Full PDB file with SEQRES, HELIX, SHEET, SSBOND, CRYST1, ORIGX, SCALE, CONECT and MASTER records, all heavy atoms in Angstrom:
SEQRES   1 A   36  GLY ILE VAL TRP SER GLY SER SER THR ASN TYR ALA ASP          
SEQRES   2 A   36  SER VAL LYS GLY ARG PHE THR ILE SER ARG ASP ILE ASP          
SEQRES   3 A   36  LYS ASN THR VAL TYR LEU GLN MET ASN SER                      
SHEET    1 AA1 2 PHE A  19  ASP A  24  0                                        
SHEET    2 AA1 2 THR A  29  MET A  34 -1                                        
CRYST1    1.000    1.000    1.000  90.00  90.00  90.00 P 1           1          
ORIGX1      1.000000  0.000000  0.000000        0.00000                         
ORIGX2      0.000000  1.000000  0.000000        0.00000                         
ORIGX3      0.000000  0.000000  1.000000        0.00000                         
SCALE1      1.000000  0.000000  0.000000        0.00000                         
SCALE2      0.000000  1.000000  0.000000        0.00000                         
SCALE3      0.000000  0.000000  1.000000        0.00000                         
ATOM      1  N   GLY A   1     -57.963-107.533 -70.605  1.00  0.00           N  
ATOM      2  CA  GLY A   1     -57.081-106.507 -70.092  1.00  0.00           C  
ATOM      3  C   GLY A   1     -56.328-106.977 -68.869  1.00  0.00           C  
ATOM      4  O   GLY A   1     -56.738-107.936 -68.207  1.00  0.00           O  
ATOM      5  N   ILE A   2     -55.223-106.292 -68.566  1.00  0.00           N  
ATOM      6  CA  ILE A   2     -54.390-106.652 -67.430  1.00  0.00           C  
ATOM      7  C   ILE A   2     -53.713-105.413 -66.879  1.00  0.00           C  
ATOM      8  O   ILE A   2     -53.338-104.511 -67.635  1.00  0.00           O  
ATOM      9  CB  ILE A   2     -53.355-107.734 -67.822  1.00  0.00           C  
ATOM     10  CG1 ILE A   2     -52.621-108.266 -66.592  1.00  0.00           C  
ATOM     11  CG2 ILE A   2     -52.367-107.192 -68.853  1.00  0.00           C  
ATOM     12  CD1 ILE A   2     -51.784-109.506 -66.878  1.00  0.00           C  
ATOM     13  N   VAL A   3     -53.552-105.359 -65.549  1.00  0.00           N  
ATOM     14  CA  VAL A   3     -52.755-104.327 -64.899  1.00  0.00           C  
ATOM     15  C   VAL A   3     -51.313-104.798 -64.897  1.00  0.00           C  
ATOM     16  O   VAL A   3     -51.000-105.866 -64.363  1.00  0.00           O  
ATOM     17  CB  VAL A   3     -53.236-104.071 -63.464  1.00  0.00           C  
ATOM     18  CG1 VAL A   3     -52.355-103.019 -62.788  1.00  0.00           C  
ATOM     19  CG2 VAL A   3     -54.690-103.626 -63.458  1.00  0.00           C  
ATOM     20  N   TRP A   4     -50.405-104.010 -65.500  1.00  0.00           N  
ATOM     21  CA  TRP A   4     -49.036-104.457 -65.676  1.00  0.00           C  
ATOM     22  C   TRP A   4     -48.332-104.736 -64.359  1.00  0.00           C  
ATOM     23  O   TRP A   4     -47.648-105.750 -64.217  1.00  0.00           O  
ATOM     24  CB  TRP A   4     -48.238-103.429 -66.481  1.00  0.00           C  
ATOM     25  CG  TRP A   4     -46.857-103.887 -66.775  1.00  0.00           C  
ATOM     26  CD1 TRP A   4     -45.726-103.605 -66.073  1.00  0.00           C  
ATOM     27  CD2 TRP A   4     -46.458-104.742 -67.851  1.00  0.00           C  
ATOM     28  NE1 TRP A   4     -44.643-104.228 -66.644  1.00  0.00           N  
ATOM     29  CE2 TRP A   4     -45.064-104.926 -67.740  1.00  0.00           C  
ATOM     30  CE3 TRP A   4     -47.148-105.356 -68.896  1.00  0.00           C  
ATOM     31  CZ2 TRP A   4     -44.352-105.707 -68.634  1.00  0.00           C  
ATOM     32  CZ3 TRP A   4     -46.433-106.133 -69.781  1.00  0.00           C  
ATOM     33  CH2 TRP A   4     -45.056-106.303 -69.645  1.00  0.00           C  
ATOM     34  N   SER A   5     -48.471-103.840 -63.397  1.00  0.00           N  
ATOM     35  CA  SER A   5     -47.730-103.956 -62.146  1.00  0.00           C  
ATOM     36  C   SER A   5     -48.269-105.036 -61.229  1.00  0.00           C  
ATOM     37  O   SER A   5     -47.587-105.440 -60.283  1.00  0.00           O  
ATOM     38  CB  SER A   5     -47.731-102.618 -61.412  1.00  0.00           C  
ATOM     39  OG  SER A   5     -49.046-102.201 -61.105  1.00  0.00           O  
ATOM     40  N   GLY A   6     -49.469-105.493 -61.480  1.00  0.00           N  
ATOM     41  CA  GLY A   6     -50.077-106.526 -60.672  1.00  0.00           C  
ATOM     42  C   GLY A   6     -50.504-107.697 -61.525  1.00  0.00           C  
ATOM     43  O   GLY A   6     -49.877-108.018 -62.539  1.00  0.00           O  
ATOM     44  N   SER A   7     -51.581-108.333 -61.122  1.00  0.00           N  
ATOM     45  CA  SER A   7     -52.082-109.487 -61.853  1.00  0.00           C  
ATOM     46  C   SER A   7     -53.578-109.411 -62.100  1.00  0.00           C  
ATOM     47  O   SER A   7     -54.166-110.398 -62.550  1.00  0.00           O  
ATOM     48  CB  SER A   7     -51.742-110.778 -61.103  1.00  0.00           C  
ATOM     49  OG  SER A   7     -52.303-110.783 -59.806  1.00  0.00           O  
ATOM     50  N   SER A   8     -54.193-108.270 -61.825  1.00  0.00           N  
ATOM     51  CA  SER A   8     -55.623-108.126 -62.053  1.00  0.00           C  
ATOM     52  C   SER A   8     -55.920-108.205 -63.543  1.00  0.00           C  
ATOM     53  O   SER A   8     -55.257-107.563 -64.354  1.00  0.00           O  
ATOM     54  CB  SER A   8     -56.122-106.797 -61.494  1.00  0.00           C  
ATOM     55  OG  SER A   8     -55.967-106.745 -60.088  1.00  0.00           O  
ATOM     56  N   THR A   9     -56.925-108.993 -63.899  1.00  0.00           N  
ATOM     57  CA  THR A   9     -57.309-109.179 -65.293  1.00  0.00           C  
ATOM     58  C   THR A   9     -58.801-108.984 -65.461  1.00  0.00           C  
ATOM     59  O   THR A   9     -59.571-109.068 -64.510  1.00  0.00           O  
ATOM     60  CB  THR A   9     -56.917-110.572 -65.811  1.00  0.00           C  
ATOM     61  OG1 THR A   9     -57.537-111.571 -64.992  1.00  0.00           O  
ATOM     62  CG2 THR A   9     -55.409-110.755 -65.773  1.00  0.00           C  
ATOM     63  N   ASN A  10     -59.207-108.753 -66.697  1.00  0.00           N  
ATOM     64  CA  ASN A  10     -60.606-108.578 -67.039  1.00  0.00           C  
ATOM     65  C   ASN A  10     -60.822-109.166 -68.429  1.00  0.00           C  
ATOM     66  O   ASN A  10     -59.995-108.981 -69.315  1.00  0.00           O  
ATOM     67  CB  ASN A  10     -60.982-107.096 -67.011  1.00  0.00           C  
ATOM     68  CG  ASN A  10     -62.471-106.867 -67.109  1.00  0.00           C  
ATOM     69  OD1 ASN A  10     -63.265-107.734 -66.748  1.00  0.00           O  
ATOM     70  ND2 ASN A  10     -62.857-105.692 -67.571  1.00  0.00           N  
ATOM     71  N   TYR A  11     -61.955-109.866 -68.613  1.00  0.00           N  
ATOM     72  CA  TYR A  11     -62.240-110.531 -69.874  1.00  0.00           C  
ATOM     73  C   TYR A  11     -63.660-110.258 -70.327  1.00  0.00           C  
ATOM     74  O   TYR A  11     -64.577-110.146 -69.507  1.00  0.00           O  
ATOM     75  CB  TYR A  11     -62.074-112.044 -69.760  1.00  0.00           C  
ATOM     76  CG  TYR A  11     -60.668-112.512 -69.473  1.00  0.00           C  
ATOM     77  CD1 TYR A  11     -60.234-112.716 -68.168  1.00  0.00           C  
ATOM     78  CD2 TYR A  11     -59.778-112.763 -70.509  1.00  0.00           C  
ATOM     79  CE1 TYR A  11     -58.946-113.146 -67.907  1.00  0.00           C  
ATOM     80  CE2 TYR A  11     -58.489-113.199 -70.255  1.00  0.00           C  
ATOM     81  CZ  TYR A  11     -58.074-113.388 -68.948  1.00  0.00           C  
ATOM     82  OH  TYR A  11     -56.794-113.822 -68.697  1.00  0.00           O  
ATOM     83  N   ALA A  12     -63.833-110.184 -71.636  1.00  0.00           N  
ATOM     84  CA  ALA A  12     -65.172-110.169 -72.193  1.00  0.00           C  
ATOM     85  C   ALA A  12     -65.832-111.518 -71.946  1.00  0.00           C  
ATOM     86  O   ALA A  12     -65.168-112.561 -71.948  1.00  0.00           O  
ATOM     87  CB  ALA A  12     -65.124-109.872 -73.692  1.00  0.00           C  
ATOM     88  N   ASP A  13     -67.141-111.513 -71.737  1.00  0.00           N  
ATOM     89  CA  ASP A  13     -67.854-112.758 -71.462  1.00  0.00           C  
ATOM     90  C   ASP A  13     -67.672-113.781 -72.581  1.00  0.00           C  
ATOM     91  O   ASP A  13     -67.623-114.985 -72.328  1.00  0.00           O  
ATOM     92  CB  ASP A  13     -69.346-112.483 -71.258  1.00  0.00           C  
ATOM     93  CG  ASP A  13     -69.634-111.766 -69.955  1.00  0.00           C  
ATOM     94  OD1 ASP A  13     -68.788-111.805 -69.043  1.00  0.00           O  
ATOM     95  OD2 ASP A  13     -70.721-111.171 -69.848  1.00  0.00           O  
ATOM     96  N   SER A  14     -67.561-113.316 -73.804  1.00  0.00           N  
ATOM     97  CA  SER A  14     -67.476-114.207 -74.951  1.00  0.00           C  
ATOM     98  C   SER A  14     -66.171-115.002 -75.022  1.00  0.00           C  
ATOM     99  O   SER A  14     -66.096-115.990 -75.751  1.00  0.00           O  
ATOM    100  CB  SER A  14     -67.656-113.417 -76.248  1.00  0.00           C  
ATOM    101  OG  SER A  14     -66.659-112.423 -76.374  1.00  0.00           O  
ATOM    102  N   VAL A  15     -65.145-114.583 -74.264  1.00  0.00           N  
ATOM    103  CA  VAL A  15     -63.852-115.263 -74.330  1.00  0.00           C  
ATOM    104  C   VAL A  15     -63.434-115.874 -73.005  1.00  0.00           C  
ATOM    105  O   VAL A  15     -62.389-116.537 -72.943  1.00  0.00           O  
ATOM    106  CB  VAL A  15     -62.741-114.319 -74.832  1.00  0.00           C  
ATOM    107  CG1 VAL A  15     -63.133-113.697 -76.164  1.00  0.00           C  
ATOM    108  CG2 VAL A  15     -62.432-113.239 -73.800  1.00  0.00           C  
ATOM    109  N   LYS A  16     -64.206-115.690 -71.953  1.00  0.00           N  
ATOM    110  CA  LYS A  16     -63.857-116.254 -70.649  1.00  0.00           C  
ATOM    111  C   LYS A  16     -63.747-117.771 -70.729  1.00  0.00           C  
ATOM    112  O   LYS A  16     -64.593-118.435 -71.310  1.00  0.00           O  
ATOM    113  CB  LYS A  16     -64.901-115.860 -69.606  1.00  0.00           C  
ATOM    114  CG  LYS A  16     -64.827-114.418 -69.163  1.00  0.00           C  
ATOM    115  CD  LYS A  16     -65.866-114.110 -68.095  1.00  0.00           C  
ATOM    116  CE  LYS A  16     -65.765-112.670 -67.628  1.00  0.00           C  
ATOM    117  NZ  LYS A  16     -66.801-112.338 -66.630  1.00  0.00           N  
ATOM    118  N   GLY A  17     -62.690-118.290 -70.145  1.00  0.00           N  
ATOM    119  CA  GLY A  17     -62.437-119.720 -70.170  1.00  0.00           C  
ATOM    120  C   GLY A  17     -61.699-120.194 -71.392  1.00  0.00           C  
ATOM    121  O   GLY A  17     -61.246-121.348 -71.432  1.00  0.00           O  
ATOM    122  N   ARG A  18     -61.556-119.345 -72.413  1.00  0.00           N  
ATOM    123  CA  ARG A  18     -60.854-119.708 -73.641  1.00  0.00           C  
ATOM    124  C   ARG A  18     -59.594-118.885 -73.870  1.00  0.00           C  
ATOM    125  O   ARG A  18     -58.596-119.401 -74.365  1.00  0.00           O  
ATOM    126  CB  ARG A  18     -61.776-119.552 -74.849  1.00  0.00           C  
ATOM    127  CG  ARG A  18     -63.024-120.421 -74.797  1.00  0.00           C  
ATOM    128  CD  ARG A  18     -63.777-120.384 -76.121  1.00  0.00           C  
ATOM    129  NE  ARG A  18     -64.260-119.037 -76.443  1.00  0.00           N  
ATOM    130  CZ  ARG A  18     -63.920-118.368 -77.541  1.00  0.00           C  
ATOM    131  NH1 ARG A  18     -63.095-118.909 -78.427  1.00  0.00           N  
ATOM    132  NH2 ARG A  18     -64.419-117.157 -77.766  1.00  0.00           N  
ATOM    133  N   PHE A  19     -59.627-117.603 -73.521  1.00  0.00           N  
ATOM    134  CA  PHE A  19     -58.496-116.704 -73.736  1.00  0.00           C  
ATOM    135  C   PHE A  19     -57.826-116.378 -72.409  1.00  0.00           C  
ATOM    136  O   PHE A  19     -58.494-116.282 -71.371  1.00  0.00           O  
ATOM    137  CB  PHE A  19     -58.946-115.392 -74.378  1.00  0.00           C  
ATOM    138  CG  PHE A  19     -59.422-115.503 -75.797  1.00  0.00           C  
ATOM    139  CD1 PHE A  19     -59.620-116.733 -76.405  1.00  0.00           C  
ATOM    140  CD2 PHE A  19     -59.681-114.350 -76.526  1.00  0.00           C  
ATOM    141  CE1 PHE A  19     -60.062-116.829 -77.711  1.00  0.00           C  
ATOM    142  CE2 PHE A  19     -60.121-114.430 -77.831  1.00  0.00           C  
ATOM    143  CZ  PHE A  19     -60.313-115.663 -78.427  1.00  0.00           C  
ATOM    144  N   THR A  20     -56.512-116.158 -72.447  1.00  0.00           N  
ATOM    145  CA  THR A  20     -55.753-115.776 -71.271  1.00  0.00           C  
ATOM    146  C   THR A  20     -54.790-114.654 -71.623  1.00  0.00           C  
ATOM    147  O   THR A  20     -53.993-114.794 -72.560  1.00  0.00           O  
ATOM    148  CB  THR A  20     -54.959-116.960 -70.691  1.00  0.00           C  
ATOM    149  OG1 THR A  20     -55.848-118.032 -70.367  1.00  0.00           O  
ATOM    150  CG2 THR A  20     -54.230-116.525 -69.423  1.00  0.00           C  
ATOM    151  N   ILE A  21     -54.856-113.554 -70.885  1.00  0.00           N  
ATOM    152  CA  ILE A  21     -53.924-112.451 -71.075  1.00  0.00           C  
ATOM    153  C   ILE A  21     -52.818-112.554 -70.032  1.00  0.00           C  
ATOM    154  O   ILE A  21     -53.066-112.919 -68.882  1.00  0.00           O  
ATOM    155  CB  ILE A  21     -54.633-111.084 -70.996  1.00  0.00           C  
ATOM    156  CG1 ILE A  21     -53.683-109.947 -71.379  1.00  0.00           C  
ATOM    157  CG2 ILE A  21     -55.247-110.849 -69.624  1.00  0.00           C  
ATOM    158  CD1 ILE A  21     -54.376-108.599 -71.531  1.00  0.00           C  
ATOM    159  N   SER A  22     -51.593-112.246 -70.435  1.00  0.00           N  
ATOM    160  CA  SER A  22     -50.456-112.302 -69.525  1.00  0.00           C  
ATOM    161  C   SER A  22     -49.389-111.326 -69.990  1.00  0.00           C  
ATOM    162  O   SER A  22     -49.481-110.766 -71.087  1.00  0.00           O  
ATOM    163  CB  SER A  22     -49.882-113.718 -69.439  1.00  0.00           C  
ATOM    164  OG  SER A  22     -49.405-114.150 -70.697  1.00  0.00           O  
ATOM    165  N   ARG A  23     -48.373-111.110 -69.143  1.00  0.00           N  
ATOM    166  CA  ARG A  23     -47.268-110.253 -69.542  1.00  0.00           C  
ATOM    167  C   ARG A  23     -45.947-110.821 -69.040  1.00  0.00           C  
ATOM    168  O   ARG A  23     -45.902-111.510 -68.022  1.00  0.00           O  
ATOM    169  CB  ARG A  23     -47.456-108.808 -69.059  1.00  0.00           C  
ATOM    170  CG  ARG A  23     -47.096-108.541 -67.592  1.00  0.00           C  
ATOM    171  CD  ARG A  23     -48.235-108.918 -66.663  1.00  0.00           C  
ATOM    172  NE  ARG A  23     -48.063-108.369 -65.331  1.00  0.00           N  
ATOM    173  CZ  ARG A  23     -47.404-108.955 -64.340  1.00  0.00           C  
ATOM    174  NH1 ARG A  23     -46.829-110.151 -64.552  1.00  0.00           N  
ATOM    175  NH2 ARG A  23     -47.311-108.387 -63.152  1.00  0.00           N  
ATOM    176  N   ASP A  24     -44.886-110.516 -69.771  1.00  0.00           N  
ATOM    177  CA  ASP A  24     -43.538-110.950 -69.450  1.00  0.00           C  
ATOM    178  C   ASP A  24     -42.712-109.691 -69.226  1.00  0.00           C  
ATOM    179  O   ASP A  24     -42.427-108.966 -70.178  1.00  0.00           O  
ATOM    180  CB  ASP A  24     -42.964-111.793 -70.585  1.00  0.00           C  
ATOM    181  CG  ASP A  24     -41.629-112.425 -70.230  1.00  0.00           C  
ATOM    182  OD1 ASP A  24     -40.837-111.799 -69.502  1.00  0.00           O  
ATOM    183  OD2 ASP A  24     -41.373-113.544 -70.698  1.00  0.00           O  
ATOM    184  N   ILE A  25     -42.319-109.430 -67.983  1.00  0.00           N  
ATOM    185  CA  ILE A  25     -41.606-108.198 -67.678  1.00  0.00           C  
ATOM    186  C   ILE A  25     -40.207-108.182 -68.289  1.00  0.00           C  
ATOM    187  O   ILE A  25     -39.692-107.122 -68.635  1.00  0.00           O  
ATOM    188  CB  ILE A  25     -41.521-107.967 -66.156  1.00  0.00           C  
ATOM    189  CG1 ILE A  25     -40.814-109.125 -65.457  1.00  0.00           C  
ATOM    190  CG2 ILE A  25     -42.916-107.766 -65.580  1.00  0.00           C  
ATOM    191  CD1 ILE A  25     -40.576-108.875 -63.973  1.00  0.00           C  
ATOM    192  N   ASP A  26     -39.578-109.333 -68.429  1.00  0.00           N  
ATOM    193  CA  ASP A  26     -38.234-109.398 -69.005  1.00  0.00           C  
ATOM    194  C   ASP A  26     -38.249-109.067 -70.493  1.00  0.00           C  
ATOM    195  O   ASP A  26     -37.311-108.450 -71.006  1.00  0.00           O  
ATOM    196  CB  ASP A  26     -37.618-110.773 -68.787  1.00  0.00           C  
ATOM    197  CG  ASP A  26     -37.342-111.061 -67.323  1.00  0.00           C  
ATOM    198  OD1 ASP A  26     -37.052-110.108 -66.574  1.00  0.00           O  
ATOM    199  OD2 ASP A  26     -37.413-112.238 -66.932  1.00  0.00           O  
ATOM    200  N   LYS A  27     -39.291-109.483 -71.185  1.00  0.00           N  
ATOM    201  CA  LYS A  27     -39.401-109.254 -72.622  1.00  0.00           C  
ATOM    202  C   LYS A  27     -40.220-108.017 -72.968  1.00  0.00           C  
ATOM    203  O   LYS A  27     -40.344-107.670 -74.142  1.00  0.00           O  
ATOM    204  CB  LYS A  27     -40.010-110.474 -73.303  1.00  0.00           C  
ATOM    205  CG  LYS A  27     -39.162-111.725 -73.191  1.00  0.00           C  
ATOM    206  CD  LYS A  27     -39.810-112.889 -73.914  1.00  0.00           C  
ATOM    207  CE  LYS A  27     -38.940-114.127 -73.835  1.00  0.00           C  
ATOM    208  NZ  LYS A  27     -39.547-115.278 -74.540  1.00  0.00           N  
ATOM    209  N   ASN A  28     -40.783-107.362 -71.945  1.00  0.00           N  
ATOM    210  CA  ASN A  28     -41.611-106.172 -72.153  1.00  0.00           C  
ATOM    211  C   ASN A  28     -42.717-106.440 -73.177  1.00  0.00           C  
ATOM    212  O   ASN A  28     -42.939-105.653 -74.105  1.00  0.00           O  
ATOM    213  CB  ASN A  28     -40.755-104.989 -72.602  1.00  0.00           C  
ATOM    214  CG  ASN A  28     -41.201-103.680 -71.985  1.00  0.00           C  
ATOM    215  OD1 ASN A  28     -41.714-103.652 -70.860  1.00  0.00           O  
ATOM    216  ND2 ASN A  28     -41.010-102.583 -72.707  1.00  0.00           N  
ATOM    217  N   THR A  29     -43.410-107.542 -72.965  1.00  0.00           N  
ATOM    218  CA  THR A  29     -44.372-108.033 -73.938  1.00  0.00           C  
ATOM    219  C   THR A  29     -45.646-108.496 -73.245  1.00  0.00           C  
ATOM    220  O   THR A  29     -45.595-109.096 -72.172  1.00  0.00           O  
ATOM    221  CB  THR A  29     -43.781-109.191 -74.753  1.00  0.00           C  
ATOM    222  OG1 THR A  29     -42.610-108.732 -75.440  1.00  0.00           O  
ATOM    223  CG2 THR A  29     -44.780-109.718 -75.769  1.00  0.00           C  
ATOM    224  N   VAL A  30     -46.781-108.217 -73.874  1.00  0.00           N  
ATOM    225  CA  VAL A  30     -48.082-108.700 -73.432  1.00  0.00           C  
ATOM    226  C   VAL A  30     -48.551-109.769 -74.406  1.00  0.00           C  
ATOM    227  O   VAL A  30     -48.352-109.642 -75.621  1.00  0.00           O  
ATOM    228  CB  VAL A  30     -49.107-107.555 -73.357  1.00  0.00           C  
ATOM    229  CG1 VAL A  30     -50.470-108.076 -72.920  1.00  0.00           C  
ATOM    230  CG2 VAL A  30     -48.624-106.479 -72.400  1.00  0.00           C  
ATOM    231  N   TYR A  31     -49.180-110.812 -73.874  1.00  0.00           N  
ATOM    232  CA  TYR A  31     -49.624-111.934 -74.690  1.00  0.00           C  
ATOM    233  C   TYR A  31     -51.129-112.132 -74.564  1.00  0.00           C  
ATOM    234  O   TYR A  31     -51.743-111.783 -73.555  1.00  0.00           O  
ATOM    235  CB  TYR A  31     -48.935-113.228 -74.263  1.00  0.00           C  
ATOM    236  CG  TYR A  31     -47.438-113.193 -74.349  1.00  0.00           C  
ATOM    237  CD1 TYR A  31     -46.670-112.946 -73.219  1.00  0.00           C  
ATOM    238  CD2 TYR A  31     -46.784-113.408 -75.556  1.00  0.00           C  
ATOM    239  CE1 TYR A  31     -45.293-112.917 -73.287  1.00  0.00           C  
ATOM    240  CE2 TYR A  31     -45.410-113.372 -75.635  1.00  0.00           C  
ATOM    241  CZ  TYR A  31     -44.659-113.132 -74.500  1.00  0.00           C  
ATOM    242  OH  TYR A  31     -43.300-113.103 -74.574  1.00  0.00           O  
ATOM    243  N   LEU A  32     -51.699-112.713 -75.594  1.00  0.00           N  
ATOM    244  CA  LEU A  32     -53.070-113.184 -75.549  1.00  0.00           C  
ATOM    245  C   LEU A  32     -53.088-114.610 -76.074  1.00  0.00           C  
ATOM    246  O   LEU A  32     -52.956-114.829 -77.282  1.00  0.00           O  
ATOM    247  CB  LEU A  32     -54.007-112.300 -76.376  1.00  0.00           C  
ATOM    248  CG  LEU A  32     -55.492-112.665 -76.292  1.00  0.00           C  
ATOM    249  CD1 LEU A  32     -56.030-112.391 -74.888  1.00  0.00           C  
ATOM    250  CD2 LEU A  32     -56.308-111.903 -77.330  1.00  0.00           C  
ATOM    251  N   GLN A  33     -53.211-115.566 -75.166  1.00  0.00           N  
ATOM    252  CA  GLN A  33     -53.325-116.966 -75.541  1.00  0.00           C  
ATOM    253  C   GLN A  33     -54.780-117.268 -75.852  1.00  0.00           C  
ATOM    254  O   GLN A  33     -55.644-117.102 -74.989  1.00  0.00           O  
ATOM    255  CB  GLN A  33     -52.822-117.867 -74.416  1.00  0.00           C  
ATOM    256  CG  GLN A  33     -52.942-119.355 -74.705  1.00  0.00           C  
ATOM    257  CD  GLN A  33     -52.026-119.798 -75.816  1.00  0.00           C  
ATOM    258  OE1 GLN A  33     -50.853-119.433 -75.847  1.00  0.00           O  
ATOM    259  NE2 GLN A  33     -52.553-120.576 -76.753  1.00  0.00           N  
ATOM    260  N   MET A  34     -55.055-117.714 -77.064  1.00  0.00           N  
ATOM    261  CA  MET A  34     -56.408-117.965 -77.519  1.00  0.00           C  
ATOM    262  C   MET A  34     -56.568-119.445 -77.816  1.00  0.00           C  
ATOM    263  O   MET A  34     -55.936-119.973 -78.735  1.00  0.00           O  
ATOM    264  CB  MET A  34     -56.732-117.132 -78.762  1.00  0.00           C  
ATOM    265  CG  MET A  34     -56.500-115.639 -78.570  1.00  0.00           C  
ATOM    266  SD  MET A  34     -57.039-114.651 -79.991  1.00  0.00           S  
ATOM    267  CE  MET A  34     -55.879-115.241 -81.219  1.00  0.00           C  
ATOM    268  N   ASN A  35     -57.405-120.112 -77.039  1.00  0.00           N  
ATOM    269  CA  ASN A  35     -57.685-121.528 -77.214  1.00  0.00           C  
ATOM    270  C   ASN A  35     -59.138-121.734 -77.622  1.00  0.00           C  
ATOM    271  O   ASN A  35     -59.976-120.854 -77.464  1.00  0.00           O  
ATOM    272  CB  ASN A  35     -57.401-122.295 -75.922  1.00  0.00           C  
ATOM    273  CG  ASN A  35     -55.957-122.225 -75.486  1.00  0.00           C  
ATOM    274  OD1 ASN A  35     -55.046-122.174 -76.308  1.00  0.00           O  
ATOM    275  ND2 ASN A  35     -55.734-122.240 -74.173  1.00  0.00           N  
ATOM    276  N   SER A  36     -59.427-122.919 -78.130  1.00  0.00           N  
ATOM    277  CA  SER A  36     -60.787-123.276 -78.547  1.00  0.00           C  
ATOM    278  C   SER A  36     -61.395-122.203 -79.436  1.00  0.00           C  
ATOM    279  O   SER A  36     -62.529-121.767 -79.236  1.00  0.00           O  
ATOM    280  CB  SER A  36     -61.668-123.518 -77.313  1.00  0.00           C  
ATOM    281  OG  SER A  36     -61.137-124.538 -76.497  1.00  0.00           O  
TER     282      SER A  36                                                      
MASTER        0    0    0    0    2    0    0    6  281    1    0    3          
END                                                                             
């Protein structure tokens, strides 16, 4: 999860270090980058 107006994030323990949540204000889009 992520707070849109800021940068605070929260992750499940099972995905920490592998997944990254982010947002692009210009594209009005939230992303989930999933590695490993």
